[in-house]
All heavy atoms as atom14 arrays in JSON, in Angstrom:
{
  "sequence": "YRPDGMVICAAGGSTAETFGHLIA",
  "atom14_mask": [
    [1, 1, 1, 1, 1, 1, 1, 1, 1, 1, 1, 1, 0, 0],
    [1, 1, 1, 1, 1, 1, 1, 1, 1, 1, 1, 0, 0, 0],
    [1, 1, 1, 1, 1, 1, 1, 0, 0, 0, 0, 0, 0, 0],
    [1, 1, 1, 1, 1, 1, 1, 1, 0, 0, 0, 0, 0, 0],
    [1, 1, 1, 1, 0, 0, 0, 0, 0, 0, 0, 0, 0, 0],
    [1, 1, 1, 1, 1, 1, 1, 1, 0, 0, 0, 0, 0, 0],
    [1, 1, 1, 1, 1, 1, 1, 0, 0, 0, 0, 0, 0, 0],
    [1, 1, 1, 1, 1, 1, 1, 1, 0, 0, 0, 0, 0, 0],
    [1, 1, 1, 1, 1, 1, 0, 0, 0, 0, 0, 0, 0, 0],
    [1, 1, 1, 1, 1, 0, 0, 0, 0, 0, 0, 0, 0, 0],
    [1, 1, 1, 1, 1, 0, 0, 0, 0, 0, 0, 0, 0, 0],
    [1, 1, 1, 1, 0, 0, 0, 0, 0, 0, 0, 0, 0, 0],
    [1, 1, 1, 1, 0, 0, 0, 0, 0, 0, 0, 0, 0, 0],
    [1, 1, 1, 1, 1, 1, 0, 0, 0, 0, 0, 0, 0, 0],
    [1, 1, 1, 1, 1, 1, 1, 0, 0, 0, 0, 0, 0, 0],
    [1, 1, 1, 1, 1, 0, 0, 0, 0, 0, 0, 0, 0, 0],
    [1, 1, 1, 1, 1, 1, 1, 1, 1, 0, 0, 0, 0, 0],
    [1, 1, 1, 1, 1, 1, 1, 0, 0, 0, 0, 0, 0, 0],
    [1, 1, 1, 1, 1, 1, 1, 1, 1, 1, 1, 0, 0, 0],
    [1, 1, 1, 1, 0, 0, 0, 0, 0, 0, 0, 0, 0, 0],
    [1, 1, 1, 1, 1, 1, 1, 1, 1, 1, 0, 0, 0, 0],
    [1, 1, 1, 1, 1, 1, 1, 1, 0, 0, 0, 0, 0, 0],
    [1, 1, 1, 1, 1, 1, 1, 1, 0, 0, 0, 0, 0, 0],
    [1, 1, 1, 1, 1, 0, 0, 0, 0, 0, 0, 0, 0, 0]
  ],
  "atom14_positions": [
    [[5.77, 17.65, 3.13], [4.88, 18.79, 3.22], [3.52, 18.43, 3.8], [2.64, 19.29, 3.86], [4.71, 19.44, 1.83], [5.9, 20.28, 1.41], [6.98, 19.69, 0.78], [5.94, 21.65, 1.64], [8.09, 20.46, 0.4], [7.02, 22.41, 1.27], [8.09, 21.82, 0.64], [9.17, 22.58, 0.27], [0.0, 0.0, 0.0], [0.0, 0.0, 0.0]],
    [[3.35, 17.19, 4.2], [2.13, 16.71, 4.87], [0.86, 17.0, 4.05], [-0.12, 17.57, 4.57], [2.01, 17.32, 6.27], [3.16, 16.97, 7.2], [3.0, 17.58, 8.58], [1.82, 17.08, 9.24], [0.76, 17.81, 9.54], [0.73, 19.11, 9.22], [-0.29, 17.29, 10.15], [0.0, 0.0, 0.0], [0.0, 0.0, 0.0], [0.0, 0.0, 0.0]],
    [[0.83, 16.6, 2.79], [-0.4, 16.79, 2.02], [-1.51, 15.91, 2.62], [-1.22, 14.85, 3.2], [-0.02, 16.35, 0.62], [1.08, 15.37, 0.81], [1.86, 15.88, 2.0], [0.0, 0.0, 0.0], [0.0, 0.0, 0.0], [0.0, 0.0, 0.0], [0.0, 0.0, 0.0], [0.0, 0.0, 0.0], [0.0, 0.0, 0.0], [0.0, 0.0, 0.0]],
    [[-2.73, 16.31, 2.44], [-3.85, 15.51, 2.92], [-4.0, 14.24, 2.09], [-4.61, 13.28, 2.54], [-5.13, 16.32, 2.87], [-5.1, 17.51, 3.82], [-4.38, 17.44, 4.85], [-5.77, 18.53, 3.54], [0.0, 0.0, 0.0], [0.0, 0.0, 0.0], [0.0, 0.0, 0.0], [0.0, 0.0, 0.0], [0.0, 0.0, 0.0], [0.0, 0.0, 0.0]],
    [[-3.47, 14.22, 0.89], [-3.51, 13.06, 0.02], [-2.75, 13.35, -1.25], [-2.3, 14.47, -1.48], [0.0, 0.0, 0.0], [0.0, 0.0, 0.0], [0.0, 0.0, 0.0], [0.0, 0.0, 0.0], [0.0, 0.0, 0.0], [0.0, 0.0, 0.0], [0.0, 0.0, 0.0], [0.0, 0.0, 0.0], [0.0, 0.0, 0.0], [0.0, 0.0, 0.0]],
    [[-2.6, 12.32, -2.12], [-1.85, 12.51, -3.36], [-2.55, 11.83, -4.54], [-3.11, 10.76, -4.41], [-0.46, 11.9, -3.27], [0.5, 12.57, -2.31], [2.19, 11.9, -2.55], [2.95, 12.39, -1.0], [0.0, 0.0, 0.0], [0.0, 0.0, 0.0], [0.0, 0.0, 0.0], [0.0, 0.0, 0.0], [0.0, 0.0, 0.0], [0.0, 0.0, 0.0]],
    [[-2.47, 12.5, -5.7], [-2.82, 11.91, -6.98], [-1.51, 11.55, -7.66], [-0.61, 12.41, -7.78], [-3.63, 12.87, -7.87], [-3.85, 12.27, -9.25], [-4.96, 13.21, -7.22], [0.0, 0.0, 0.0], [0.0, 0.0, 0.0], [0.0, 0.0, 0.0], [0.0, 0.0, 0.0], [0.0, 0.0, 0.0], [0.0, 0.0, 0.0], [0.0, 0.0, 0.0]],
    [[-1.38, 10.31, -8.12], [-0.09, 9.86, -8.65], [-0.27, 9.2, -10.01], [-1.14, 8.35, -10.2], [0.59, 8.85, -7.7], [0.98, 9.54, -6.38], [1.8, 8.21, -8.34], [1.54, 8.6, -5.35], [0.0, 0.0, 0.0], [0.0, 0.0, 0.0], [0.0, 0.0, 0.0], [0.0, 0.0, 0.0], [0.0, 0.0, 0.0], [0.0, 0.0, 0.0]],
    [[0.57, 9.63, -10.96], [0.74, 8.91, -12.22], [2.16, 8.36, -12.2], [3.13, 9.1, -12.29], [0.51, 9.83, -13.41], [0.57, 8.94, -14.99], [0.0, 0.0, 0.0], [0.0, 0.0, 0.0], [0.0, 0.0, 0.0], [0.0, 0.0, 0.0], [0.0, 0.0, 0.0], [0.0, 0.0, 0.0], [0.0, 0.0, 0.0], [0.0, 0.0, 0.0]],
    [[2.28, 7.07, -12.04], [3.56, 6.44, -11.7], [4.52, 6.38, -12.88], [4.12, 6.29, -14.06], [3.31, 5.03, -11.19], [0.0, 0.0, 0.0], [0.0, 0.0, 0.0], [0.0, 0.0, 0.0], [0.0, 0.0, 0.0], [0.0, 0.0, 0.0], [0.0, 0.0, 0.0], [0.0, 0.0, 0.0], [0.0, 0.0, 0.0], [0.0, 0.0, 0.0]],
    [[5.8, 6.42, -12.56], [6.84, 6.23, -13.56], [6.82, 4.77, -14.03], [6.39, 3.85, -13.31], [8.21, 6.55, -12.96], [0.0, 0.0, 0.0], [0.0, 0.0, 0.0], [0.0, 0.0, 0.0], [0.0, 0.0, 0.0], [0.0, 0.0, 0.0], [0.0, 0.0, 0.0], [0.0, 0.0, 0.0], [0.0, 0.0, 0.0], [0.0, 0.0, 0.0]],
    [[7.26, 4.54, -15.26], [7.3, 3.21, -15.81], [8.17, 2.28, -14.97], [9.25, 2.66, -14.52], [0.0, 0.0, 0.0], [0.0, 0.0, 0.0], [0.0, 0.0, 0.0], [0.0, 0.0, 0.0], [0.0, 0.0, 0.0], [0.0, 0.0, 0.0], [0.0, 0.0, 0.0], [0.0, 0.0, 0.0], [0.0, 0.0, 0.0], [0.0, 0.0, 0.0]],
    [[7.67, 1.05, -14.74], [8.4, 0.1, -13.96], [8.07, 0.13, -12.47], [8.61, -0.65, -11.69], [0.0, 0.0, 0.0], [0.0, 0.0, 0.0], [0.0, 0.0, 0.0], [0.0, 0.0, 0.0], [0.0, 0.0, 0.0], [0.0, 0.0, 0.0], [0.0, 0.0, 0.0], [0.0, 0.0, 0.0], [0.0, 0.0, 0.0], [0.0, 0.0, 0.0]],
    [[7.19, 1.04, -12.04], [6.79, 1.09, -10.63], [6.06, -0.18, -10.24], [5.38, -0.81, -11.04], [5.88, 2.31, -10.39], [6.53, 3.52, -10.62], [0.0, 0.0, 0.0], [0.0, 0.0, 0.0], [0.0, 0.0, 0.0], [0.0, 0.0, 0.0], [0.0, 0.0, 0.0], [0.0, 0.0, 0.0], [0.0, 0.0, 0.0], [0.0, 0.0, 0.0]],
    [[6.22, -0.57, -8.96], [5.55, -1.75, -8.42], [4.77, -1.33, -7.18], [4.86, -0.19, -6.72], [6.56, -2.83, -8.06], [7.4, -2.35, -7.0], [7.43, -3.2, -9.26], [0.0, 0.0, 0.0], [0.0, 0.0, 0.0], [0.0, 0.0, 0.0], [0.0, 0.0, 0.0], [0.0, 0.0, 0.0], [0.0, 0.0, 0.0], [0.0, 0.0, 0.0]],
    [[4.06, -2.29, -6.59], [3.33, -2.01, -5.37], [4.27, -1.56, -4.27], [3.92, -0.7, -3.46], [2.53, -3.25, -4.94], [0.0, 0.0, 0.0], [0.0, 0.0, 0.0], [0.0, 0.0, 0.0], [0.0, 0.0, 0.0], [0.0, 0.0, 0.0], [0.0, 0.0, 0.0], [0.0, 0.0, 0.0], [0.0, 0.0, 0.0], [0.0, 0.0, 0.0]],
    [[5.46, -2.13, -4.23], [6.44, -1.76, -3.2], [6.91, -0.32, -3.32], [7.29, 0.31, -2.35], [7.64, -2.7, -3.25], [7.38, -4.13, -2.81], [6.57, -4.92, -3.83], [6.6, -4.55, -5.04], [5.87, -5.87, -3.42], [0.0, 0.0, 0.0], [0.0, 0.0, 0.0], [0.0, 0.0, 0.0], [0.0, 0.0, 0.0], [0.0, 0.0, 0.0]],
    [[6.84, 0.23, -4.54], [7.27, 1.61, -4.78], [6.53, 2.58, -3.89], [7.1, 3.58, -3.42], [7.05, 1.98, -6.26], [7.76, 1.04, -7.11], [7.54, 3.39, -6.54], [0.0, 0.0, 0.0], [0.0, 0.0, 0.0], [0.0, 0.0, 0.0], [0.0, 0.0, 0.0], [0.0, 0.0, 0.0], [0.0, 0.0, 0.0], [0.0, 0.0, 0.0]],
    [[5.27, 2.32, -3.62], [4.44, 3.26, -2.85], [4.16, 2.78, -1.43], [3.32, 3.32, -0.74], [3.12, 3.5, -3.61], [3.33, 3.99, -4.99], [3.16, 3.17, -6.08], [3.75, 5.28, -5.21], [3.39, 3.62, -7.38], [3.97, 5.77, -6.49], [3.8, 4.92, -7.59], [0.0, 0.0, 0.0], [0.0, 0.0, 0.0], [0.0, 0.0, 0.0]],
    [[4.93, 1.75, -1.0], [4.73, 1.2, 0.33], [4.94, 2.22, 1.43], [4.21, 2.22, 2.43], [0.0, 0.0, 0.0], [0.0, 0.0, 0.0], [0.0, 0.0, 0.0], [0.0, 0.0, 0.0], [0.0, 0.0, 0.0], [0.0, 0.0, 0.0], [0.0, 0.0, 0.0], [0.0, 0.0, 0.0], [0.0, 0.0, 0.0], [0.0, 0.0, 0.0]],
    [[5.91, 3.13, 1.26], [6.2, 4.11, 2.32], [5.07, 5.11, 2.47], [4.79, 5.58, 3.57], [7.52, 4.8, 2.04], [7.54, 5.66, 0.83], [7.43, 7.04, 0.85], [7.64, 5.33, -0.49], [7.48, 7.51, -0.38], [7.61, 6.5, -1.22], [0.0, 0.0, 0.0], [0.0, 0.0, 0.0], [0.0, 0.0, 0.0], [0.0, 0.0, 0.0]],
    [[4.38, 5.42, 1.36], [3.24, 6.35, 1.43], [2.04, 5.67, 2.1], [1.36, 6.27, 2.91], [2.87, 6.84, 0.04], [3.92, 7.67, -0.69], [3.44, 7.98, -2.11], [4.21, 8.97, 0.06], [0.0, 0.0, 0.0], [0.0, 0.0, 0.0], [0.0, 0.0, 0.0], [0.0, 0.0, 0.0], [0.0, 0.0, 0.0], [0.0, 0.0, 0.0]],
    [[1.81, 4.41, 1.73], [0.7, 3.66, 2.29], [0.92, 3.45, 3.79], [0.01, 3.62, 4.61], [0.52, 2.33, 1.57], [0.12, 2.6, 0.09], [-0.52, 1.47, 2.25], [0.16, 1.36, -0.78], [0.0, 0.0, 0.0], [0.0, 0.0, 0.0], [0.0, 0.0, 0.0], [0.0, 0.0, 0.0], [0.0, 0.0, 0.0], [0.0, 0.0, 0.0]],
    [[2.17, 3.14, 4.16], [2.49, 2.92, 5.57], [2.3, 4.2, 6.37], [1.95, 4.17, 7.57], [3.92, 2.42, 5.71], [0.0, 0.0, 0.0], [0.0, 0.0, 0.0], [0.0, 0.0, 0.0], [0.0, 0.0, 0.0], [0.0, 0.0, 0.0], [0.0, 0.0, 0.0], [0.0, 0.0, 0.0], [0.0, 0.0, 0.0], [0.0, 0.0, 0.0]]
  ]
}
């Protein structure tokens, strides 16, 4: 949906790699 940005409260067990696609 092309948001301008996101606020995230991560699920348990999330790692830095979990959000790599958003950062990329």
